[in-house]
Each structure stands twice: as structure tokens, then as C-alpha cells.
N, C-alpha and C. Protein backbone atom coordinates (compact mmCIF):
# COMPACT_ATOMS: atom_id res chain seq x y z
N MET A 1 21.41 29.17 -14.25
CA MET A 1 20.10 29.26 -13.63
C MET A 1 19.60 27.84 -13.35
N LYS A 2 19.18 27.62 -12.15
CA LYS A 2 18.75 26.29 -11.72
C LYS A 2 17.23 26.22 -11.65
N PHE A 3 16.67 25.06 -12.04
CA PHE A 3 15.23 24.88 -11.99
C PHE A 3 14.79 24.66 -10.56
N GLN A 4 13.73 25.38 -10.19
CA GLN A 4 13.14 25.20 -8.87
C GLN A 4 11.63 25.09 -9.07
N PHE A 5 11.10 23.92 -8.71
CA PHE A 5 9.66 23.67 -8.86
C PHE A 5 8.92 24.47 -7.81
N SER A 6 8.00 25.30 -8.25
CA SER A 6 7.32 26.21 -7.31
C SER A 6 6.39 25.49 -6.35
N PHE A 7 5.98 24.25 -6.69
CA PHE A 7 5.08 23.49 -5.82
C PHE A 7 5.79 22.29 -5.19
N GLN A 8 7.08 22.43 -4.92
CA GLN A 8 7.86 21.32 -4.38
C GLN A 8 7.33 20.87 -3.02
N LYS A 9 6.88 21.80 -2.21
CA LYS A 9 6.36 21.44 -0.89
C LYS A 9 5.09 20.60 -1.03
N VAL A 10 4.26 20.95 -2.00
CA VAL A 10 3.04 20.17 -2.24
C VAL A 10 3.42 18.77 -2.70
N LEU A 11 4.38 18.69 -3.62
CA LEU A 11 4.85 17.40 -4.10
C LEU A 11 5.41 16.55 -2.96
N ASP A 12 6.21 17.17 -2.11
CA ASP A 12 6.76 16.45 -0.96
C ASP A 12 5.64 15.95 -0.04
N PHE A 13 4.63 16.79 0.18
CA PHE A 13 3.50 16.41 1.01
C PHE A 13 2.75 15.23 0.39
N LYS A 14 2.54 15.27 -0.90
CA LYS A 14 1.84 14.18 -1.59
C LYS A 14 2.66 12.89 -1.52
N GLU A 15 3.96 13.00 -1.62
CA GLU A 15 4.83 11.83 -1.48
C GLU A 15 4.74 11.23 -0.08
N LYS A 16 4.71 12.09 0.92
CA LYS A 16 4.58 11.61 2.30
C LYS A 16 3.23 10.95 2.54
N GLU A 17 2.18 11.54 1.97
CA GLU A 17 0.85 10.92 2.07
C GLU A 17 0.85 9.54 1.44
N LYS A 18 1.49 9.43 0.28
CA LYS A 18 1.56 8.14 -0.41
C LYS A 18 2.33 7.12 0.42
N ASP A 19 3.46 7.55 0.98
CA ASP A 19 4.25 6.65 1.82
C ASP A 19 3.46 6.20 3.05
N LEU A 20 2.74 7.13 3.65
CA LEU A 20 1.91 6.80 4.81
C LEU A 20 0.82 5.80 4.42
N ALA A 21 0.20 6.02 3.28
CA ALA A 21 -0.84 5.10 2.80
C ALA A 21 -0.25 3.71 2.54
N GLN A 22 0.98 3.67 2.01
CA GLN A 22 1.64 2.38 1.79
C GLN A 22 1.90 1.67 3.12
N GLU A 23 2.35 2.42 4.11
CA GLU A 23 2.59 1.83 5.43
C GLU A 23 1.30 1.29 6.05
N GLU A 24 0.24 2.08 5.97
CA GLU A 24 -1.04 1.64 6.53
C GLU A 24 -1.56 0.40 5.81
N PHE A 25 -1.42 0.39 4.49
CA PHE A 25 -1.87 -0.77 3.72
C PHE A 25 -1.03 -2.00 4.09
N GLY A 26 0.27 -1.82 4.21
CA GLY A 26 1.14 -2.93 4.60
C GLY A 26 0.80 -3.47 5.98
N THR A 27 0.52 -2.57 6.90
CA THR A 27 0.18 -2.97 8.27
C THR A 27 -1.12 -3.77 8.30
N ILE A 28 -2.15 -3.26 7.62
CA ILE A 28 -3.44 -3.94 7.65
C ILE A 28 -3.36 -5.26 6.88
N LYS A 29 -2.56 -5.29 5.84
CA LYS A 29 -2.38 -6.54 5.07
C LYS A 29 -1.68 -7.58 5.95
N LEU A 30 -0.71 -7.14 6.74
CA LEU A 30 -0.02 -8.04 7.66
C LEU A 30 -0.99 -8.57 8.71
N GLN A 31 -1.85 -7.71 9.22
CA GLN A 31 -2.87 -8.16 10.19
C GLN A 31 -3.78 -9.20 9.56
N GLN A 32 -4.14 -8.97 8.31
CA GLN A 32 -5.01 -9.92 7.61
C GLN A 32 -4.31 -11.28 7.48
N LEU A 33 -3.04 -11.28 7.14
CA LEU A 33 -2.30 -12.53 7.01
C LEU A 33 -2.17 -13.25 8.35
N GLU A 34 -1.90 -12.48 9.41
CA GLU A 34 -1.80 -13.09 10.74
C GLU A 34 -3.13 -13.70 11.17
N LEU A 35 -4.21 -13.00 10.88
CA LEU A 35 -5.53 -13.51 11.21
C LEU A 35 -5.84 -14.78 10.43
N GLN A 36 -5.45 -14.80 9.18
CA GLN A 36 -5.66 -15.99 8.35
C GLN A 36 -4.86 -17.17 8.92
N GLU A 37 -3.65 -16.91 9.37
CA GLU A 37 -2.84 -17.97 9.99
C GLU A 37 -3.52 -18.50 11.25
N GLN A 38 -4.09 -17.59 12.05
CA GLN A 38 -4.78 -18.01 13.27
C GLN A 38 -5.99 -18.88 12.93
N ILE A 39 -6.71 -18.51 11.89
CA ILE A 39 -7.87 -19.30 11.47
C ILE A 39 -7.43 -20.69 11.02
N GLU A 40 -6.36 -20.74 10.26
CA GLU A 40 -5.85 -22.04 9.80
C GLU A 40 -5.37 -22.89 10.98
N GLU A 41 -4.75 -22.22 11.95
CA GLU A 41 -4.29 -22.93 13.15
C GLU A 41 -5.47 -23.50 13.92
N LEU A 42 -6.53 -22.71 14.07
CA LEU A 42 -7.73 -23.20 14.76
C LEU A 42 -8.38 -24.34 13.98
N GLU A 43 -8.31 -24.28 12.68
CA GLU A 43 -8.87 -25.37 11.86
C GLU A 43 -8.10 -26.67 12.11
N SER A 44 -6.77 -26.56 12.23
CA SER A 44 -5.99 -27.77 12.50
C SER A 44 -6.27 -28.30 13.91
N VAL A 45 -6.47 -27.39 14.88
CA VAL A 45 -6.81 -27.82 16.25
C VAL A 45 -8.17 -28.51 16.24
N LYS A 46 -9.11 -27.92 15.51
CA LYS A 46 -10.44 -28.52 15.42
C LYS A 46 -10.36 -29.91 14.78
N ASP A 47 -9.56 -30.05 13.75
CA ASP A 47 -9.38 -31.36 13.10
C ASP A 47 -8.78 -32.37 14.08
N LYS A 48 -7.84 -31.89 14.89
CA LYS A 48 -7.23 -32.77 15.89
C LYS A 48 -8.28 -33.27 16.88
N PHE A 49 -9.14 -32.33 17.32
CA PHE A 49 -10.20 -32.74 18.25
C PHE A 49 -11.20 -33.69 17.59
N PHE A 50 -11.50 -33.45 16.34
CA PHE A 50 -12.41 -34.36 15.63
C PHE A 50 -11.79 -35.75 15.50
N ASN A 51 -10.49 -35.80 15.26
CA ASN A 51 -9.82 -37.10 15.18
C ASN A 51 -9.89 -37.82 16.52
N GLN A 52 -9.73 -37.09 17.61
CA GLN A 52 -9.85 -37.69 18.93
C GLN A 52 -11.29 -38.11 19.18
N TYR A 53 -12.22 -37.33 18.72
CA TYR A 53 -13.63 -37.62 18.88
C TYR A 53 -14.03 -38.89 18.12
N ASP A 54 -13.38 -39.11 16.99
CA ASP A 54 -13.67 -40.30 16.18
C ASP A 54 -13.28 -41.59 16.90
N GLU A 55 -12.38 -41.48 17.83
CA GLU A 55 -11.94 -42.66 18.60
C GLU A 55 -12.86 -42.85 19.80
N VAL A 56 -14.15 -42.78 19.58
CA VAL A 56 -15.16 -42.83 20.65
C VAL A 56 -15.12 -44.15 21.41
N ASP A 57 -14.87 -45.20 20.71
CA ASP A 57 -14.95 -46.51 21.37
C ASP A 57 -13.93 -46.66 22.50
N ARG A 58 -12.90 -45.84 22.51
CA ARG A 58 -11.90 -45.95 23.57
C ARG A 58 -12.03 -44.84 24.62
N LYS A 59 -13.07 -44.05 24.52
CA LYS A 59 -13.21 -42.91 25.42
C LYS A 59 -14.39 -43.11 26.37
N SER A 60 -14.25 -42.45 27.50
CA SER A 60 -15.38 -42.45 28.44
C SER A 60 -16.32 -41.31 28.06
N ILE A 61 -17.49 -41.30 28.62
CA ILE A 61 -18.47 -40.26 28.32
C ILE A 61 -17.93 -38.89 28.72
N TRP A 62 -17.26 -38.85 29.85
CA TRP A 62 -16.68 -37.59 30.31
C TRP A 62 -15.69 -37.05 29.29
N GLU A 63 -14.83 -37.89 28.74
CA GLU A 63 -13.85 -37.47 27.73
C GLU A 63 -14.54 -37.02 26.45
N ILE A 64 -15.61 -37.72 26.09
CA ILE A 64 -16.36 -37.34 24.88
C ILE A 64 -17.00 -35.97 25.07
N LEU A 65 -17.59 -35.73 26.23
CA LEU A 65 -18.20 -34.43 26.51
C LEU A 65 -17.16 -33.32 26.54
N GLN A 66 -16.02 -33.63 27.09
CA GLN A 66 -14.94 -32.66 27.14
C GLN A 66 -14.46 -32.33 25.73
N LEU A 67 -14.31 -33.36 24.89
CA LEU A 67 -13.92 -33.12 23.50
C LEU A 67 -14.97 -32.28 22.78
N GLN A 68 -16.24 -32.57 23.06
CA GLN A 68 -17.33 -31.81 22.43
C GLN A 68 -17.26 -30.33 22.83
N GLN A 69 -16.97 -30.09 24.11
CA GLN A 69 -16.83 -28.71 24.57
C GLN A 69 -15.64 -28.02 23.89
N GLU A 70 -14.55 -28.76 23.76
CA GLU A 70 -13.37 -28.21 23.09
C GLU A 70 -13.68 -27.85 21.63
N ILE A 71 -14.40 -28.74 20.96
CA ILE A 71 -14.76 -28.50 19.57
C ILE A 71 -15.68 -27.28 19.47
N ASP A 72 -16.63 -27.18 20.38
CA ASP A 72 -17.52 -26.02 20.39
C ASP A 72 -16.76 -24.73 20.65
N HIS A 73 -15.83 -24.80 21.59
CA HIS A 73 -15.02 -23.62 21.92
C HIS A 73 -14.19 -23.18 20.71
N VAL A 74 -13.56 -24.13 20.06
CA VAL A 74 -12.75 -23.81 18.88
C VAL A 74 -13.64 -23.27 17.77
N SER A 75 -14.82 -23.81 17.61
CA SER A 75 -15.75 -23.34 16.58
C SER A 75 -16.16 -21.88 16.85
N VAL A 76 -16.41 -21.56 18.10
CA VAL A 76 -16.78 -20.19 18.47
C VAL A 76 -15.61 -19.25 18.19
N GLN A 77 -14.41 -19.66 18.57
CA GLN A 77 -13.23 -18.84 18.30
C GLN A 77 -13.04 -18.63 16.80
N LYS A 78 -13.21 -19.70 16.05
CA LYS A 78 -13.04 -19.61 14.60
C LYS A 78 -14.07 -18.67 14.00
N LYS A 79 -15.30 -18.76 14.46
CA LYS A 79 -16.37 -17.88 13.97
C LYS A 79 -16.03 -16.42 14.26
N ARG A 80 -15.54 -16.18 15.48
CA ARG A 80 -15.16 -14.81 15.86
C ARG A 80 -14.03 -14.30 14.97
N LEU A 81 -13.03 -15.15 14.72
CA LEU A 81 -11.92 -14.75 13.86
C LEU A 81 -12.36 -14.53 12.42
N GLU A 82 -13.31 -15.32 11.95
CA GLU A 82 -13.81 -15.14 10.59
C GLU A 82 -14.55 -13.82 10.46
N ASN A 83 -15.33 -13.45 11.49
CA ASN A 83 -16.00 -12.14 11.48
C ASN A 83 -14.98 -11.01 11.48
N GLN A 84 -13.96 -11.18 12.29
CA GLN A 84 -12.89 -10.19 12.35
C GLN A 84 -12.17 -10.13 11.00
N SER A 85 -12.00 -11.27 10.38
CA SER A 85 -11.35 -11.33 9.08
C SER A 85 -12.14 -10.58 8.02
N LYS A 86 -13.46 -10.69 8.07
CA LYS A 86 -14.30 -9.95 7.12
C LYS A 86 -14.13 -8.45 7.30
N LYS A 87 -14.08 -8.00 8.55
CA LYS A 87 -13.90 -6.57 8.82
C LYS A 87 -12.54 -6.11 8.32
N ILE A 88 -11.53 -6.90 8.57
CA ILE A 88 -10.18 -6.53 8.13
C ILE A 88 -10.11 -6.54 6.61
N PHE A 89 -10.79 -7.48 5.98
CA PHE A 89 -10.81 -7.53 4.51
C PHE A 89 -11.39 -6.23 3.96
N GLN A 90 -12.48 -5.76 4.56
CA GLN A 90 -13.08 -4.49 4.13
C GLN A 90 -12.11 -3.33 4.34
N GLU A 91 -11.42 -3.37 5.46
CA GLU A 91 -10.45 -2.31 5.75
C GLU A 91 -9.28 -2.38 4.77
N VAL A 92 -8.85 -3.59 4.42
CA VAL A 92 -7.78 -3.75 3.43
C VAL A 92 -8.21 -3.14 2.10
N GLU A 93 -9.43 -3.42 1.70
CA GLU A 93 -9.94 -2.87 0.44
C GLU A 93 -9.97 -1.34 0.49
N GLN A 94 -10.41 -0.80 1.60
CA GLN A 94 -10.48 0.65 1.75
C GLN A 94 -9.07 1.26 1.72
N LYS A 95 -8.13 0.65 2.43
CA LYS A 95 -6.75 1.17 2.46
C LYS A 95 -6.12 1.05 1.07
N HIS A 96 -6.47 -0.01 0.35
CA HIS A 96 -5.94 -0.19 -1.00
C HIS A 96 -6.44 0.93 -1.91
N GLN A 97 -7.71 1.29 -1.78
CA GLN A 97 -8.27 2.39 -2.58
C GLN A 97 -7.57 3.70 -2.24
N VAL A 98 -7.35 3.95 -0.96
CA VAL A 98 -6.66 5.16 -0.53
C VAL A 98 -5.25 5.18 -1.11
N LEU A 99 -4.58 4.03 -1.06
CA LEU A 99 -3.22 3.94 -1.60
C LEU A 99 -3.22 4.25 -3.09
N ILE A 100 -4.17 3.72 -3.82
CA ILE A 100 -4.25 3.98 -5.26
C ILE A 100 -4.45 5.48 -5.51
N GLU A 101 -5.35 6.09 -4.76
CA GLU A 101 -5.61 7.52 -4.93
C GLU A 101 -4.37 8.36 -4.62
N LYS A 102 -3.71 8.04 -3.53
CA LYS A 102 -2.51 8.81 -3.14
C LYS A 102 -1.39 8.61 -4.15
N THR A 103 -1.27 7.41 -4.67
CA THR A 103 -0.24 7.14 -5.67
C THR A 103 -0.52 7.92 -6.94
N GLN A 104 -1.78 7.98 -7.34
CA GLN A 104 -2.15 8.73 -8.54
C GLN A 104 -1.89 10.23 -8.34
N GLU A 105 -2.24 10.74 -7.17
CA GLU A 105 -1.99 12.16 -6.90
C GLU A 105 -0.50 12.47 -6.96
N ALA A 106 0.30 11.64 -6.30
CA ALA A 106 1.75 11.87 -6.29
C ALA A 106 2.31 11.78 -7.71
N LYS A 107 1.83 10.85 -8.47
CA LYS A 107 2.29 10.69 -9.85
C LYS A 107 1.93 11.91 -10.69
N MET A 108 0.72 12.43 -10.48
CA MET A 108 0.29 13.62 -11.20
C MET A 108 1.20 14.81 -10.89
N TRP A 109 1.53 14.99 -9.62
CA TRP A 109 2.41 16.10 -9.24
C TRP A 109 3.83 15.90 -9.78
N LYS A 110 4.29 14.65 -9.79
CA LYS A 110 5.62 14.38 -10.36
C LYS A 110 5.65 14.70 -11.85
N GLN A 111 4.58 14.31 -12.55
CA GLN A 111 4.51 14.59 -13.98
C GLN A 111 4.47 16.10 -14.22
N TRP A 112 3.76 16.80 -13.38
CA TRP A 112 3.72 18.25 -13.50
C TRP A 112 5.11 18.84 -13.30
N LYS A 113 5.84 18.31 -12.34
CA LYS A 113 7.20 18.79 -12.10
C LYS A 113 8.07 18.53 -13.32
N VAL A 114 7.96 17.34 -13.90
CA VAL A 114 8.76 17.00 -15.07
C VAL A 114 8.42 17.93 -16.24
N LYS A 115 7.12 18.17 -16.45
CA LYS A 115 6.70 19.06 -17.53
C LYS A 115 7.20 20.48 -17.28
N SER A 116 7.14 20.91 -16.04
CA SER A 116 7.62 22.25 -15.70
C SER A 116 9.11 22.36 -15.94
N LYS A 117 9.83 21.32 -15.59
CA LYS A 117 11.28 21.32 -15.80
C LYS A 117 11.60 21.33 -17.29
N ASP A 118 10.87 20.55 -18.07
CA ASP A 118 11.08 20.53 -19.51
C ASP A 118 10.81 21.92 -20.11
N SER A 119 9.73 22.54 -19.67
CA SER A 119 9.38 23.88 -20.14
C SER A 119 10.48 24.87 -19.77
N PHE A 120 10.98 24.75 -18.55
CA PHE A 120 12.06 25.62 -18.09
C PHE A 120 13.31 25.42 -18.95
N GLN A 121 13.63 24.17 -19.24
CA GLN A 121 14.81 23.86 -20.07
C GLN A 121 14.66 24.46 -21.46
N LYS A 122 13.48 24.33 -22.05
CA LYS A 122 13.25 24.87 -23.39
C LYS A 122 13.36 26.39 -23.38
N GLN A 123 12.81 27.01 -22.36
CA GLN A 123 12.88 28.47 -22.25
C GLN A 123 14.33 28.91 -22.09
N LEU A 124 15.09 28.18 -21.29
CA LEU A 124 16.50 28.49 -21.09
C LEU A 124 17.27 28.32 -22.40
N GLU A 125 16.97 27.27 -23.14
CA GLU A 125 17.63 27.04 -24.42
C GLU A 125 17.30 28.14 -25.42
N ARG A 126 16.04 28.62 -25.41
CA ARG A 126 15.65 29.71 -26.31
C ARG A 126 16.41 30.99 -25.95
N LYS A 127 16.53 31.28 -24.66
CA LYS A 127 17.29 32.46 -24.24
C LYS A 127 18.75 32.35 -24.67
N GLU A 128 19.30 31.16 -24.45
CA GLU A 128 20.70 30.93 -24.83
C GLU A 128 20.88 31.07 -26.34
N GLN A 129 19.95 30.52 -27.09
CA GLN A 129 20.03 30.62 -28.55
C GLN A 129 19.90 32.07 -28.99
N GLY A 130 19.03 32.82 -28.33
CA GLY A 130 18.87 34.25 -28.63
C GLY A 130 20.16 35.01 -28.38
N MET A 131 20.82 34.70 -27.27
CA MET A 131 22.09 35.37 -26.97
C MET A 131 23.15 35.00 -27.99
N LEU A 132 23.19 33.72 -28.39
CA LEU A 132 24.16 33.29 -29.39
C LEU A 132 23.89 33.95 -30.75
N ASP A 133 22.62 34.08 -31.08
CA ASP A 133 22.27 34.75 -32.34
C ASP A 133 22.69 36.21 -32.30
N GLU A 134 22.44 36.85 -31.17
CA GLU A 134 22.82 38.26 -31.03
C GLU A 134 24.34 38.42 -31.13
N MET A 135 25.07 37.50 -30.50
CA MET A 135 26.54 37.55 -30.57
C MET A 135 27.01 37.35 -32.01
N ALA A 136 26.38 36.46 -32.73
CA ALA A 136 26.76 36.21 -34.13
C ALA A 136 26.49 37.44 -34.98
N VAL A 137 25.36 38.12 -34.75
CA VAL A 137 25.03 39.34 -35.50
C VAL A 137 26.05 40.42 -35.19
N LEU A 138 26.42 40.57 -33.91
CA LEU A 138 27.40 41.59 -33.53
C LEU A 138 28.76 41.30 -34.17
N ARG A 139 29.19 40.06 -34.19
CA ARG A 139 30.48 39.71 -34.82
C ARG A 139 30.44 40.00 -36.31
N TYR A 140 29.33 39.66 -36.91
CA TYR A 140 29.19 39.85 -38.35
C TYR A 140 29.19 41.34 -38.68
N SER A 141 28.51 42.15 -37.84
CA SER A 141 28.45 43.58 -38.12
C SER A 141 29.80 44.25 -37.89
N ARG A 142 30.64 43.74 -37.03
CA ARG A 142 31.97 44.31 -36.80
C ARG A 142 32.91 43.99 -37.97
N ARG A 143 32.68 42.89 -38.64
CA ARG A 143 33.53 42.50 -39.79
C ARG A 143 33.25 43.41 -40.98
N ILE A 144 32.07 43.88 -41.07
CA ILE A 144 31.72 44.67 -42.25
C ILE A 144 32.06 46.12 -42.07
């Protein structure tokens, strides 16, 4: 007799939900890392422009104004990315919570399956022991 978990489809569904939550969390985490890289890249560009701006004595007014516009543009882009980063951070936190919940649910169903299998094994062993006891009684009664 083979053990068959009566809620296997539910367990499979919970496993798929957990896997999906892991994928979503991984995707949003990757987006967060890419956004952070973009922010760091803009920071280095801004630093480069500031270094050029510091060399004012060798620049014309037109070049200084152009550098100022570039710095302002980079600052606006950085601000936009930082706002986007905050939103993604919130989404990462939300996806992480969902992942934790789905993992806990899947773990609960797995534990239930293990307990059910253990119970099934014990019941099977009791039946087997009962049959062996009955066989021993029958052998003993035939000897007498």
C-alpha cells in the first residue's frame, strides 16, 4: 500500500505560489539594484561636471553656463531616480512579505504531508503487526 497525500494538489499549488513569489521578489530586487547602479552612475557624472566646473578660470561664461545646465539636468535625473528608488524599495518590502507568507504556507503544507505520511506508516505497521500476531497465534494453536 502506497501513501497518497489527499491534499497533494493544494501542496503543489502552494509550492507554485511560493516559486512565483520568489521570482517576483528576485525581479524587483534586480530592478532595485539596477536603479541603484544608475544613481551611482549619475553621481559620478555629476562629480565629473563639478570637477569641470571647478576649473572656472579656464572656461568661458558660455561653457560655465553649459556646465551649470548639465549639473542641473543630472540633479533632476538623480532626484527622479531616487523617487523611483523609494517606490521600488516599498515594492521590494511588500514582495518580501508576500514571499515570507507563501514560504510559511508551503512549509505548513509540507509538514502536514510529512505528519500524514508518518501517521500512515504507523497505521500500516500496526496492521502488519496485527497480522503477524494473528499468524503467530494460528501457528501456536496448530501445534497444540
